[in-house]
Amino acid sequence: MPYSHSKLKVSCAQRSSTGIKPINEDSMGIRVPEGITLTHKGVVAVVADGVSTAEAGQEASQACVQNLLYDYYCTPDTWTVPQSVLAVVNALNRWLYSQGSHLPDNEKGFVTTLSLLIVKSSTAHLFHVGDSRIYRYRDGQLEQLTKDHAKQVGNTSYLARALGLDTKVQMDYRKETVEAGDQYLLTTDGIHDFLPDTEWAAIIDKEASLEGIANQLLDRAMVYGSNDNLTVQVLSVDQVDGNKLHETYDHLQKLPFPPLLESGQVVDGLTVIKPLYESMRSQLYLVEDKDANQKMVMKTPSTNFEDDPAYIERFISEAWIGKKVRHSKLVRIISPSKSPTFLYYLMQYVEGITLEKWIKQTTNPSIASVVRVARQIVSGLRSMHRHQVIHQDLKPSNIMLDEHGQVTIIDFGSCFMLSSKELSQTIDEGVALGTASYSAPECHLGLDFDMRCDQFSLAVILFEMLTGKLPFKGKLETIRKVSDLKKLNYQSATELNPYVPDWFDCALQKAMSFDPAARYPDIDSFLQDLEKPNDQYHKRATLTLVERYPLRTWQTIAVVEFIVILCLLAF
């Protein structure tokens, strides 16, 4: 849940030394944030070992650590850990490589290893390239969790992979479940290349403090003849994040549910103008802040769910997601001017009609007008998908059109953040979200889904805009199990509306494939085929009716022949 704070607790210590070398080309850093940042980003520990044969190994390792510890926490909270790290590392690698490319050919430039540990909720995320290492000490056993990217040629060892070595970097990634009492150790080769494995456990068990462990590992490596820089980090997991249901519930219940509101009532300085919408799950009111002369929409939770923590969690998530994902085609969430005394949130008031009403009012719309709407919806969805947020309930009643034809997606109630899978305290709502008539089958059936489910919903909406009917003869909502999909057949939009080009219908059909893998890889690819005929589909459009619909054509011919025979017999 975006607003519940993580219970994760860690202790850490680190030490780095030049050893017998004149300069220290190792870098290290640990960041333990608090509050909501700890929940969504976790704890970060990183070591980097600048390649000594490179001209700027020290600068490379320092830039690596400093940028990771800053830039990672600047990525959107809605992103998963891997997406955040890879975005930062790829940008950093390009910078290191470009810096090194300005040096003479005989100098290797800005090159460094990287070992990165991120503990978020109850999961450890490990990223690694080069020959620095990450170990885990659990129940008296030391386990190396990373694999060195080094090759031996004769008596010489060199790195096969490192940051800044090439335009692209290939990193190892793995994730492990964290247990209370786990200790993670990040080291550079000045430690692990010289300290025998047999001594590690003895040092960890003997020392009473993490500082003592770090000091002993470094000192003992020196005793064994280390001739390199030495760096070690020790991170101990004291408490794993695992909120109990009632703990999350208590946190979310700080604000009471508001009663049903009537015109003229005032809540926290907001005057209710009129109710806009009411369902079993929520209410919408048009309200006005008279001091600011601003009209807004207030969304309040239904009192039917006052004792439902999963519902409360999702309701609060709506506002949080809306604040994180800002775009001109998405309704804007507004922060209240006064501290709320009830559980609700405020959003931009969009004047106009819903796309649902537009469909009822508009017959035979042009392809150009439909594409204009599609282009704007895709623009909003693209922003959500870049934040790794899936809408999951795209439908005409959740889309507003103003008098100038501008689109606004107005509801975040069923949105799903991919990063929420990384939070152990997330409550499983236990019901399928979204509207069955517009939802992709994988959502309705409770299967794994990704951004392509929004593509399916958009295709359904465009089909309805062009034909006035739902695809599959409106039977999507009858699906109860995977085998039910075999009973549904796609009815061409061209059959229902002859003004729909065949290539356009082919694009809709592809986007509405029951198998997500058969759809477009992303929403932009779908839009591209809506805006311009795909050659593959255009060829199909040139086929004769017999070639395109052989079975139906021969069935029609048979019926005509049967009627002719009956007429001849009658005479």
Protein backbone atom coordinates (compact mmCIF):
# COMPACT_ATOMS: atom_id res chain seq x y z
CA MET A 1 0.00 0.00 0.00
CA PRO A 2 1.48 3.36 -0.97
CA TYR A 3 0.74 5.01 2.36
CA SER A 4 1.73 2.30 4.84
CA HIS A 5 5.34 2.51 5.95
CA SER A 6 7.68 -0.41 5.66
CA LYS A 7 8.61 -2.30 8.83
CA LEU A 8 11.99 -3.27 7.41
CA LYS A 9 14.91 -2.61 9.77
CA VAL A 10 18.58 -3.05 8.95
CA SER A 11 21.98 -2.37 10.52
CA CYS A 12 25.10 -1.76 8.50
CA ALA A 13 28.81 -1.03 8.58
CA GLN A 14 31.46 -0.50 5.93
CA ARG A 15 35.16 0.04 5.58
CA SER A 16 37.53 0.73 2.72
CA SER A 17 41.32 0.97 2.58
CA THR A 18 43.98 1.70 -0.03
CA GLY A 19 45.99 -1.27 1.26
CA ILE A 20 49.51 -1.18 -0.10
CA LYS A 21 48.48 0.90 -3.12
CA PRO A 22 48.99 4.66 -3.28
CA ILE A 23 45.34 5.48 -4.15
CA ASN A 24 41.99 3.84 -3.46
CA GLU A 25 40.07 3.08 -6.64
CA ASP A 26 37.27 1.35 -4.70
CA SER A 27 34.08 3.23 -3.85
CA MET A 28 31.21 2.26 -1.60
CA GLY A 29 27.97 3.65 -0.26
CA ILE A 30 24.88 2.69 1.74
CA ARG A 31 21.59 4.56 2.00
CA VAL A 32 18.86 3.67 4.50
CA PRO A 33 15.87 5.98 3.88
CA GLU A 34 12.84 6.40 6.08
CA GLY A 35 9.07 6.52 5.68
CA ILE A 36 7.48 6.17 2.28
CA THR A 37 10.85 6.13 0.50
CA LEU A 38 11.86 3.03 2.44
CA THR A 39 8.56 1.41 1.42
CA HIS A 40 8.87 2.05 -2.31
CA LYS A 41 12.63 2.12 -2.84
CA GLY A 42 14.17 0.12 -0.01
CA VAL A 43 17.73 0.08 1.34
CA VAL A 44 20.66 0.35 -1.08
CA ALA A 45 24.23 -0.90 -0.61
CA VAL A 46 26.73 -0.61 -3.46
CA VAL A 47 30.44 -1.24 -4.03
CA ALA A 48 32.40 -0.44 -7.17
CA ASP A 49 36.01 -1.29 -7.98
CA GLY A 50 37.61 0.98 -10.56
CA VAL A 51 39.73 -1.04 -12.96
CA SER A 52 43.36 -0.25 -12.10
CA THR A 53 44.55 -0.71 -15.69
CA ALA A 54 42.13 2.00 -16.82
CA GLU A 55 43.09 5.65 -16.92
CA ALA A 56 40.20 6.80 -14.70
CA GLY A 57 39.21 3.83 -12.57
CA GLN A 58 38.86 5.90 -9.43
CA GLU A 59 36.65 8.51 -11.12
CA ALA A 60 34.53 5.74 -12.65
CA SER A 61 33.88 3.95 -9.37
CA GLN A 62 33.08 7.17 -7.52
CA ALA A 63 30.69 8.33 -10.24
CA CYS A 64 29.05 4.92 -10.22
CA VAL A 65 28.34 4.92 -6.47
CA GLN A 66 27.34 8.58 -6.20
CA ASN A 67 24.98 8.49 -9.15
CA LEU A 68 23.34 5.23 -8.14
CA LEU A 69 22.66 6.38 -4.59
CA TYR A 70 21.07 9.58 -5.91
CA ASP A 71 19.44 8.70 -9.23
CA TYR A 72 17.84 5.44 -8.08
CA TYR A 73 15.79 7.31 -5.49
CA CYS A 74 14.74 9.85 -8.14
CA THR A 75 13.03 7.24 -10.33
CA PRO A 76 9.21 7.01 -10.10
CA ASP A 77 7.87 5.15 -7.08
CA THR A 78 5.60 3.21 -9.43
CA TRP A 79 8.61 1.58 -11.15
CA THR A 80 9.82 -1.85 -10.14
CA VAL A 81 13.32 -2.18 -8.69
CA PRO A 82 14.78 -3.74 -11.89
CA GLN A 83 13.36 -1.04 -14.14
CA SER A 84 14.66 1.72 -11.87
CA VAL A 85 18.14 0.21 -11.59
CA LEU A 86 18.49 -0.60 -15.28
CA ALA A 87 17.42 2.89 -16.29
CA VAL A 88 20.06 4.42 -14.01
CA VAL A 89 22.81 1.91 -14.86
CA ASN A 90 22.30 2.14 -18.62
CA ALA A 91 22.53 5.92 -18.51
CA LEU A 92 25.59 5.72 -16.26
CA ASN A 93 27.27 3.17 -18.53
CA ARG A 94 26.76 5.36 -21.58
CA TRP A 95 28.29 8.30 -19.75
CA LEU A 96 31.31 6.28 -18.59
CA TYR A 97 31.88 4.91 -22.08
CA SER A 98 31.61 8.36 -23.69
CA GLN A 99 34.08 9.79 -21.17
CA GLY A 100 36.54 6.99 -21.89
CA SER A 101 36.17 7.33 -25.65
CA HIS A 102 37.91 10.72 -25.48
CA LEU A 103 41.09 9.15 -24.12
CA PRO A 104 43.92 7.78 -26.30
CA ASP A 105 43.48 4.27 -27.72
CA ASN A 106 46.07 2.76 -25.39
CA GLU A 107 44.14 3.88 -22.30
CA LYS A 108 41.03 1.93 -21.26
CA GLY A 109 39.12 4.87 -19.86
CA PHE A 110 36.37 4.98 -17.25
CA VAL A 111 35.80 1.33 -16.31
CA THR A 112 34.51 -0.12 -13.04
CA THR A 113 32.88 -3.18 -11.53
CA LEU A 114 29.54 -2.90 -9.74
CA SER A 115 27.81 -4.97 -7.07
CA LEU A 116 24.49 -3.57 -5.92
CA LEU A 117 22.16 -4.86 -3.21
CA ILE A 118 18.67 -3.43 -2.71
CA VAL A 119 16.53 -4.78 0.12
CA LYS A 120 12.90 -3.80 -0.37
CA SER A 121 10.07 -5.16 1.75
CA SER A 122 11.01 -8.84 2.20
CA THR A 123 13.09 -9.26 -0.98
CA ALA A 124 16.76 -8.74 -1.77
CA HIS A 125 17.47 -7.57 -5.34
CA LEU A 126 21.04 -8.20 -6.52
CA PHE A 127 22.66 -6.56 -9.56
CA HIS A 128 26.21 -7.39 -10.55
CA VAL A 129 28.85 -6.89 -13.21
CA GLY A 130 32.58 -7.50 -12.86
CA ASP A 131 34.48 -9.28 -10.07
CA SER A 132 33.34 -7.54 -6.90
CA ARG A 133 31.01 -9.84 -4.97
CA ILE A 134 27.89 -10.19 -2.81
CA TYR A 135 27.70 -12.89 -0.13
CA ARG A 136 24.92 -13.95 2.23
CA TYR A 137 25.55 -15.40 5.68
CA ARG A 138 22.56 -17.36 6.98
CA ASP A 139 22.35 -20.04 9.68
CA GLY A 140 26.13 -20.37 9.89
CA GLN A 141 26.55 -20.82 6.12
CA LEU A 142 28.30 -18.40 3.80
CA GLU A 143 27.03 -18.36 0.20
CA GLN A 144 28.43 -16.40 -2.72
CA LEU A 145 25.43 -14.95 -4.57
CA THR A 146 27.26 -13.42 -7.54
CA LYS A 147 29.48 -14.85 -10.25
CA ASP A 148 32.73 -13.20 -11.31
CA HIS A 149 32.88 -11.90 -14.87
CA ALA A 150 36.59 -12.54 -15.28
CA LYS A 151 38.62 -14.59 -17.74
CA GLN A 152 42.03 -16.14 -17.23
CA VAL A 153 44.54 -16.05 -20.09
CA GLY A 154 47.83 -17.59 -18.98
CA ASN A 155 48.82 -15.81 -15.76
CA THR A 156 46.72 -12.78 -16.59
CA SER A 157 43.11 -12.25 -15.48
CA TYR A 158 40.93 -9.63 -17.12
CA LEU A 159 37.32 -8.54 -16.86
CA ALA A 160 34.94 -9.86 -19.49
CA ARG A 161 32.22 -7.46 -18.35
CA ALA A 162 32.27 -4.09 -16.57
CA LEU A 163 30.63 -0.67 -16.62
CA GLY A 164 32.09 1.68 -19.20
CA LEU A 165 33.70 -1.12 -21.18
CA ASP A 166 31.19 -1.02 -24.05
CA THR A 167 28.16 0.95 -25.23
CA LYS A 168 25.89 -1.65 -23.65
CA VAL A 169 26.28 -3.41 -20.34
CA GLN A 170 25.04 -6.89 -19.48
CA MET A 171 24.27 -7.18 -15.78
CA ASP A 172 23.40 -10.24 -13.74
CA TYR A 173 20.19 -9.95 -11.73
CA ARG A 174 18.63 -12.21 -9.13
CA LYS A 175 16.27 -11.80 -6.23
CA GLU A 176 16.16 -13.66 -2.95
CA THR A 177 13.68 -13.84 -0.10
CA VAL A 178 15.03 -12.06 2.96
CA GLU A 179 14.88 -13.55 6.45
CA ALA A 180 15.43 -11.78 9.75
CA GLY A 181 19.02 -12.42 10.82
CA ASP A 182 20.43 -12.55 7.28
CA GLN A 183 23.75 -10.79 6.81
CA TYR A 184 24.86 -9.57 3.38
CA LEU A 185 28.51 -8.83 2.65
CA LEU A 186 29.69 -6.84 -0.38
CA THR A 187 33.42 -7.02 -1.08
CA THR A 188 36.02 -6.09 -3.67
CA ASP A 189 38.71 -8.51 -4.82
CA GLY A 190 41.25 -7.12 -2.33
CA ILE A 191 39.21 -8.99 0.30
CA HIS A 192 37.81 -12.15 -1.26
CA ASP A 193 40.78 -12.99 -3.47
CA PHE A 194 43.03 -13.31 -0.41
CA LEU A 195 40.93 -14.21 2.64
CA PRO A 196 40.29 -17.99 2.80
CA ASP A 197 36.62 -19.02 2.84
CA THR A 198 37.25 -20.97 6.03
CA GLU A 199 37.87 -17.79 8.02
CA TRP A 200 34.73 -15.87 7.08
CA ALA A 201 32.27 -17.71 9.31
CA ALA A 202 34.62 -17.63 12.29
CA ILE A 203 35.01 -13.86 12.01
CA ILE A 204 31.27 -13.23 11.58
CA ASP A 205 30.35 -15.45 14.55
CA LYS A 206 33.09 -14.10 16.80
CA GLU A 207 32.63 -10.37 16.35
CA ALA A 208 29.90 -8.72 18.39
CA SER A 209 29.37 -5.75 16.08
CA LEU A 210 29.08 -5.22 12.34
CA GLU A 211 31.95 -2.72 12.56
CA GLY A 212 34.05 -5.46 14.14
CA ILE A 213 33.20 -7.86 11.29
CA ALA A 214 34.15 -5.27 8.64
CA ASN A 215 37.41 -4.43 10.38
CA GLN A 216 38.41 -8.05 10.90
CA LEU A 217 37.67 -9.10 7.31
CA LEU A 218 39.80 -6.26 6.02
CA ASP A 219 42.64 -6.76 8.52
CA ARG A 220 42.80 -10.52 7.98
CA ALA A 221 42.90 -10.08 4.21
CA MET A 222 45.94 -7.83 4.70
CA VAL A 223 47.57 -10.51 6.86
CA TYR A 224 47.08 -12.98 3.99
CA GLY A 225 48.97 -10.69 1.67
CA SER A 226 46.34 -8.59 -0.10
CA ASN A 227 48.06 -6.31 -2.61
CA ASP A 228 44.96 -4.44 -3.76
CA ASN A 229 42.46 -1.91 -2.41
CA LEU A 230 40.16 -3.49 0.16
CA THR A 231 36.47 -2.69 0.63
CA VAL A 232 33.78 -4.50 2.63
CA GLN A 233 30.19 -3.70 3.53
CA VAL A 234 28.11 -5.64 6.03
CA LEU A 235 24.33 -5.26 6.05
CA SER A 236 22.28 -7.13 8.65
CA VAL A 237 18.52 -7.58 8.33
CA ASP A 238 17.13 -7.02 11.84
CA GLN A 239 13.41 -7.10 10.95
CA VAL A 240 11.68 -8.17 7.75
CA ASP A 241 8.81 -6.17 6.36
CA GLY A 242 5.65 -8.17 6.85
CA ASN A 243 2.76 -6.04 8.03
CA LYS A 244 -0.10 -7.97 9.51
CA LEU A 245 -3.49 -7.26 8.04
CA HIS A 246 -4.78 -5.48 11.12
CA GLU A 247 -1.70 -3.24 11.27
CA THR A 248 -2.29 -1.98 7.74
CA TYR A 249 -6.00 -1.69 8.46
CA ASP A 250 -5.38 0.41 11.58
CA HIS A 251 -3.16 2.75 9.62
CA LEU A 252 -5.73 3.20 6.86
CA GLN A 253 -8.58 3.77 9.29
CA LYS A 254 -7.21 7.01 10.68
CA LEU A 255 -9.88 8.95 8.79
CA PRO A 256 -13.59 8.05 9.07
CA PHE A 257 -15.79 7.47 6.01
CA PRO A 258 -17.96 10.50 5.19
CA PRO A 259 -21.75 10.10 5.18
CA LEU A 260 -23.79 10.54 2.02
CA LEU A 261 -23.60 14.22 1.16
CA GLU A 262 -26.29 16.58 -0.08
CA SER A 263 -26.24 19.85 -2.00
CA GLY A 264 -25.29 22.76 0.23
CA GLN A 265 -23.33 20.74 2.78
CA VAL A 266 -19.83 21.95 3.64
CA VAL A 267 -16.92 19.54 4.25
CA ASP A 268 -13.50 20.94 5.15
CA GLY A 269 -14.37 24.26 3.51
CA LEU A 270 -15.71 22.57 0.34
CA THR A 271 -19.34 23.25 -0.55
CA VAL A 272 -21.23 20.40 -2.22
CA ILE A 273 -22.92 21.70 -5.37
CA LYS A 274 -24.57 18.46 -6.40
CA PRO A 275 -24.08 14.67 -6.48
CA LEU A 276 -22.68 13.49 -9.84
CA TYR A 277 -22.64 9.72 -9.53
CA GLU A 278 -23.33 7.00 -7.02
CA SER A 279 -22.57 3.29 -7.12
CA MET A 280 -22.25 0.48 -4.63
CA ARG A 281 -18.52 1.24 -4.32
CA SER A 282 -18.22 5.05 -4.30
CA GLN A 283 -19.83 8.47 -4.74
CA LEU A 284 -18.82 11.49 -6.81
CA TYR A 285 -19.79 15.04 -5.89
CA LEU A 286 -19.24 18.36 -7.62
CA VAL A 287 -17.81 20.63 -4.92
CA GLU A 288 -16.49 24.17 -4.81
CA ASP A 289 -13.72 25.80 -2.85
CA LYS A 290 -15.24 29.28 -2.68
CA ASP A 291 -12.09 30.85 -1.25
CA ALA A 292 -10.11 29.67 -4.28
CA ASN A 293 -13.10 29.99 -6.67
CA GLN A 294 -12.39 26.47 -7.89
CA LYS A 295 -14.76 23.64 -8.77
CA MET A 296 -13.59 20.07 -8.18
CA VAL A 297 -14.89 16.54 -7.99
CA MET A 298 -14.84 14.82 -4.62
CA LYS A 299 -14.74 11.03 -4.57
CA THR A 300 -15.84 9.35 -1.37
CA PRO A 301 -15.75 5.67 -0.41
CA SER A 302 -18.97 3.76 0.11
CA THR A 303 -19.90 3.02 3.70
CA ASN A 304 -20.63 -0.54 2.53
CA PHE A 305 -16.88 -1.16 2.83
CA GLU A 306 -16.00 0.49 6.14
CA ASP A 307 -14.70 -2.82 7.49
CA ASP A 308 -12.92 -3.92 4.29
CA PRO A 309 -9.15 -3.14 4.48
CA ALA A 310 -8.53 -4.25 0.88
CA TYR A 311 -11.13 -1.79 -0.39
CA ILE A 312 -9.68 1.02 1.75
CA GLU A 313 -6.19 0.24 0.49
CA ARG A 314 -7.30 0.44 -3.13
CA PHE A 315 -9.28 3.63 -2.56
CA ILE A 316 -6.27 5.42 -1.08
CA SER A 317 -4.07 4.01 -3.86
CA GLU A 318 -6.23 5.74 -6.48
CA ALA A 319 -5.25 9.20 -5.31
CA TRP A 320 -1.62 8.21 -4.82
CA ILE A 321 -1.32 6.82 -8.36
CA GLY A 322 -3.05 9.88 -9.80
CA LYS A 323 -0.50 12.16 -8.15
CA LYS A 324 2.43 10.08 -9.38
CA VAL A 325 1.25 9.73 -12.99
CA ARG A 326 0.57 13.21 -14.34
CA HIS A 327 -0.45 13.79 -17.95
CA SER A 328 -2.76 16.14 -19.84
CA LYS A 329 -4.97 13.19 -20.85
CA LEU A 330 -5.31 11.89 -17.29
CA VAL A 331 -7.55 13.51 -14.71
CA ARG A 332 -5.52 15.62 -12.28
CA ILE A 333 -5.58 14.83 -8.56
CA ILE A 334 -5.81 17.99 -6.43
CA SER A 335 -4.35 18.35 -2.96
CA PRO A 336 -6.91 19.75 -0.48
CA SER A 337 -6.24 23.20 0.99
CA LYS A 338 -7.19 21.94 4.46
CA SER A 339 -6.40 18.72 6.27
CA PRO A 340 -9.25 16.26 5.54
CA THR A 341 -11.46 15.18 8.40
CA PHE A 342 -12.93 12.32 6.31
CA LEU A 343 -11.57 9.79 3.84
CA TYR A 344 -11.95 11.23 0.31
CA TYR A 345 -9.88 12.73 -2.46
CA LEU A 346 -10.29 15.59 -4.91
CA MET A 347 -9.77 15.68 -8.65
CA GLN A 348 -10.10 18.01 -11.59
CA TYR A 349 -13.64 18.74 -12.78
CA VAL A 350 -13.85 17.92 -16.49
CA GLU A 351 -16.81 19.47 -18.31
CA GLY A 352 -18.19 17.55 -21.25
CA ILE A 353 -19.75 14.15 -21.94
CA THR A 354 -18.55 10.63 -21.44
CA LEU A 355 -17.45 8.65 -24.46
CA GLU A 356 -20.30 6.30 -23.58
CA LYS A 357 -22.80 9.09 -24.25
CA TRP A 358 -20.90 10.15 -27.38
CA ILE A 359 -21.26 6.63 -28.81
CA LYS A 360 -25.02 6.73 -28.24
CA GLN A 361 -25.31 10.15 -29.88
CA THR A 362 -23.00 9.53 -32.86
CA THR A 363 -23.81 7.28 -35.80
CA ASN A 364 -21.32 6.31 -38.50
CA PRO A 365 -18.37 8.34 -37.18
CA SER A 366 -15.48 8.83 -39.57
CA ILE A 367 -12.34 6.77 -39.20
CA ALA A 368 -10.41 10.03 -38.77
CA SER A 369 -12.55 11.09 -35.78
CA VAL A 370 -12.17 7.69 -34.13
CA VAL A 371 -8.41 7.76 -34.64
CA ARG A 372 -8.25 11.25 -33.11
CA VAL A 373 -9.86 9.89 -29.95
CA ALA A 374 -7.65 6.78 -30.01
CA ARG A 375 -4.51 8.89 -30.34
CA GLN A 376 -5.39 10.87 -27.20
CA ILE A 377 -6.27 7.77 -25.18
CA VAL A 378 -2.97 6.17 -26.22
CA SER A 379 -1.15 9.32 -25.12
CA GLY A 380 -2.57 8.96 -21.61
CA LEU A 381 -2.00 5.20 -21.49
CA ARG A 382 1.57 5.63 -22.71
CA SER A 383 2.31 7.83 -19.70
CA MET A 384 0.80 5.26 -17.35
CA HIS A 385 2.69 2.38 -18.94
CA ARG A 386 5.98 4.27 -18.71
CA HIS A 387 5.32 4.50 -14.98
CA GLN A 388 4.56 0.76 -15.01
CA VAL A 389 0.92 1.39 -14.15
CA ILE A 390 -1.85 -0.60 -15.85
CA HIS A 391 -5.27 1.04 -16.03
CA GLN A 392 -7.23 -2.25 -16.10
CA ASP A 393 -10.68 -0.64 -16.41
CA LEU A 394 -10.61 1.35 -19.62
CA LYS A 395 -14.19 1.83 -20.87
CA PRO A 396 -16.32 4.58 -22.47
CA SER A 397 -17.82 5.72 -19.15
CA ASN A 398 -14.30 6.38 -17.80
CA ILE A 399 -13.37 8.66 -20.70
CA MET A 400 -14.54 12.27 -20.99
CA LEU A 401 -14.78 14.38 -24.15
CA ASP A 402 -15.01 18.15 -23.88
CA GLU A 403 -16.59 20.47 -26.44
CA HIS A 404 -13.33 20.64 -28.38
CA GLY A 405 -13.01 16.85 -28.63
CA GLN A 406 -10.23 16.68 -26.04
CA VAL A 407 -10.00 13.41 -24.10
CA THR A 408 -9.50 12.90 -20.36
CA ILE A 409 -9.30 9.48 -18.69
CA ILE A 410 -11.05 10.06 -15.38
CA ASP A 411 -10.79 6.96 -13.20
CA PHE A 412 -7.89 5.24 -11.42
CA GLY A 413 -10.01 2.87 -9.36
CA SER A 414 -8.71 -0.36 -10.89
CA CYS A 415 -5.15 0.73 -11.67
CA PHE A 416 -2.39 -1.71 -10.86
CA MET A 417 1.24 -0.82 -10.22
CA LEU A 418 3.73 -3.50 -11.18
CA SER A 419 5.93 -2.32 -8.31
CA SER A 420 3.19 -3.27 -5.83
CA LYS A 421 4.13 -6.92 -6.41
CA GLU A 422 7.36 -6.14 -4.56
CA LEU A 423 5.52 -5.07 -1.39
CA SER A 424 4.86 -7.97 0.95
CA GLN A 425 2.06 -6.14 2.77
CA THR A 426 -0.06 -5.60 -0.33
CA ILE A 427 -3.53 -6.98 0.34
CA ASP A 428 -5.04 -9.27 -2.26
CA GLU A 429 -8.46 -7.92 -3.10
CA GLY A 430 -9.63 -11.34 -4.24
CA VAL A 431 -11.91 -10.08 -7.02
CA ALA A 432 -11.41 -9.36 -10.70
CA LEU A 433 -11.10 -5.63 -11.33
CA GLY A 434 -12.40 -3.87 -14.40
CA THR A 435 -15.59 -4.27 -16.40
CA ALA A 436 -15.98 -7.68 -18.03
CA SER A 437 -17.42 -6.31 -21.30
CA TYR A 438 -14.24 -4.31 -21.91
CA SER A 439 -11.59 -6.23 -19.96
CA ALA A 440 -9.03 -8.57 -21.49
CA PRO A 441 -9.83 -12.21 -20.70
CA GLU A 442 -6.67 -12.67 -18.62
CA CYS A 443 -7.86 -9.96 -16.21
CA HIS A 444 -11.40 -11.28 -15.99
CA LEU A 445 -10.15 -14.84 -15.42
CA GLY A 446 -7.59 -13.86 -12.80
CA LEU A 447 -4.55 -14.84 -14.92
CA ASP A 448 -1.22 -13.04 -15.20
CA PHE A 449 -1.53 -9.80 -17.15
CA ASP A 450 0.57 -6.89 -18.33
CA MET A 451 0.17 -3.61 -20.23
CA ARG A 452 -1.32 -5.42 -23.23
CA CYS A 453 -4.62 -5.80 -21.37
CA ASP A 454 -5.18 -2.04 -21.82
CA GLN A 455 -4.60 -2.51 -25.55
CA PHE A 456 -7.42 -5.08 -25.62
CA SER A 457 -9.80 -2.68 -23.84
CA LEU A 458 -8.95 0.16 -26.20
CA ALA A 459 -9.68 -2.07 -29.21
CA VAL A 460 -13.08 -2.97 -27.73
CA ILE A 461 -13.88 0.74 -27.27
CA LEU A 462 -12.90 1.61 -30.85
CA PHE A 463 -14.95 -1.32 -32.18
CA GLU A 464 -17.98 -0.01 -30.29
CA MET A 465 -17.39 3.56 -31.52
CA LEU A 466 -17.45 2.36 -35.13
CA THR A 467 -20.26 -0.18 -34.95
CA GLY A 468 -22.37 0.80 -31.95
CA LYS A 469 -21.99 -2.79 -30.73
CA LEU A 470 -19.59 -4.73 -28.54
CA PRO A 471 -17.28 -7.29 -30.20
CA PHE A 472 -17.84 -11.03 -29.88
CA LYS A 473 -21.57 -10.21 -29.93
CA GLY A 474 -21.30 -8.82 -26.39
CA LYS A 475 -20.48 -12.19 -24.86
CA LEU A 476 -17.14 -11.32 -23.26
CA GLU A 477 -18.82 -10.94 -19.89
CA THR A 478 -20.10 -14.52 -20.04
CA ILE A 479 -16.57 -15.95 -19.77
CA ARG A 480 -16.07 -17.95 -16.59
CA LYS A 481 -13.12 -20.17 -17.54
CA VAL A 482 -10.45 -20.36 -20.23
CA SER A 483 -12.33 -23.01 -22.22
CA ASP A 484 -15.23 -20.55 -22.66
CA LEU A 485 -13.05 -18.51 -25.02
CA LYS A 486 -13.37 -21.22 -27.67
CA LYS A 487 -17.07 -20.48 -27.91
CA LEU A 488 -16.49 -16.85 -28.91
CA ASN A 489 -15.87 -15.85 -32.52
CA TYR A 490 -14.74 -12.45 -33.70
CA GLN A 491 -17.35 -10.69 -35.82
CA SER A 492 -15.73 -8.30 -38.25
CA ALA A 493 -16.35 -4.59 -37.68
CA THR A 494 -16.47 -4.28 -41.47
CA GLU A 495 -19.50 -6.58 -41.59
CA LEU A 496 -21.32 -4.37 -39.11
CA ASN A 497 -20.17 -1.12 -40.68
CA PRO A 498 -19.07 -1.31 -44.35
CA TYR A 499 -17.28 2.03 -43.99
CA VAL A 500 -14.67 0.42 -41.72
CA PRO A 501 -11.62 -0.42 -43.87
CA ASP A 502 -10.56 -4.03 -43.80
CA TRP A 503 -7.01 -3.11 -42.70
CA PHE A 504 -8.44 -1.15 -39.76
CA ASP A 505 -10.58 -4.10 -38.72
CA CYS A 506 -7.53 -6.38 -38.90
CA ALA A 507 -5.70 -4.09 -36.46
CA LEU A 508 -8.65 -4.22 -34.05
CA GLN A 509 -8.82 -8.00 -34.30
CA LYS A 510 -5.11 -8.37 -33.57
CA ALA A 511 -5.36 -6.11 -30.51
CA MET A 512 -8.31 -8.18 -29.27
CA SER A 513 -6.52 -11.52 -29.53
CA PHE A 514 -7.33 -13.71 -26.55
CA ASP A 515 -3.65 -14.64 -26.31
CA PRO A 516 -1.72 -11.54 -25.12
CA ALA A 517 1.36 -12.73 -27.03
CA ALA A 518 -0.60 -12.43 -30.29
CA ARG A 519 -1.42 -8.75 -29.67
CA TYR A 520 0.82 -5.81 -30.47
CA PRO A 521 3.96 -5.59 -28.34
CA ASP A 522 2.90 -2.15 -27.08
CA ILE A 523 0.15 0.43 -27.39
CA ASP A 524 2.12 2.59 -29.85
CA SER A 525 2.45 -0.26 -32.34
CA PHE A 526 -1.32 -0.66 -32.25
CA LEU A 527 -1.84 3.07 -32.85
CA GLN A 528 0.59 2.99 -35.77
CA ASP A 529 -1.55 0.40 -37.58
CA LEU A 530 -4.68 2.46 -36.88
CA GLU A 531 -3.15 5.59 -38.37
CA LYS A 532 -1.61 3.99 -41.44
CA PRO A 533 -2.59 0.78 -43.28
CA ASN A 534 -0.26 -2.09 -42.48
CA ASP A 535 0.93 -3.63 -45.76
CA GLN A 536 0.15 -7.07 -44.39
CA TYR A 537 -3.46 -6.09 -43.74
CA HIS A 538 -3.73 -4.00 -46.90
CA LYS A 539 -3.04 -7.10 -48.99
CA ARG A 540 -5.89 -8.88 -47.26
CA ALA A 541 -8.18 -5.98 -48.18
CA THR A 542 -7.55 -6.65 -51.89
CA LEU A 543 -8.78 -10.24 -51.67
CA THR A 544 -12.14 -11.15 -53.15
CA LEU A 545 -15.06 -11.96 -50.91
CA VAL A 546 -14.64 -15.65 -51.73
CA GLU A 547 -10.98 -15.50 -50.64
CA ARG A 548 -11.69 -13.58 -47.45
CA TYR A 549 -14.84 -15.40 -46.36
CA PRO A 550 -14.88 -18.73 -48.23
CA LEU A 551 -17.22 -20.57 -45.87
CA ARG A 552 -19.77 -17.76 -45.61
CA THR A 553 -19.65 -17.15 -49.38
CA TRP A 554 -20.40 -20.78 -50.23
CA GLN A 555 -23.09 -20.93 -47.57
CA THR A 556 -24.77 -17.92 -49.20
CA ILE A 557 -24.50 -19.50 -52.66
CA ALA A 558 -26.04 -22.72 -51.34
CA VAL A 559 -28.98 -20.83 -49.80
CA VAL A 560 -29.59 -18.93 -53.07
CA GLU A 561 -29.45 -22.18 -55.08
CA PHE A 562 -31.91 -23.81 -52.65
CA ILE A 563 -34.35 -20.90 -53.05
CA VAL A 564 -34.05 -21.05 -56.86
CA ILE A 565 -34.76 -24.81 -56.81
CA LEU A 566 -37.85 -24.25 -54.64
CA CYS A 567 -39.07 -21.59 -57.04
CA LEU A 568 -38.59 -23.87 -60.05
CA LEU A 569 -40.44 -26.71 -58.33
CA ALA A 570 -43.29 -24.36 -57.53
CA PHE A 571 -43.76 -23.71 -61.22
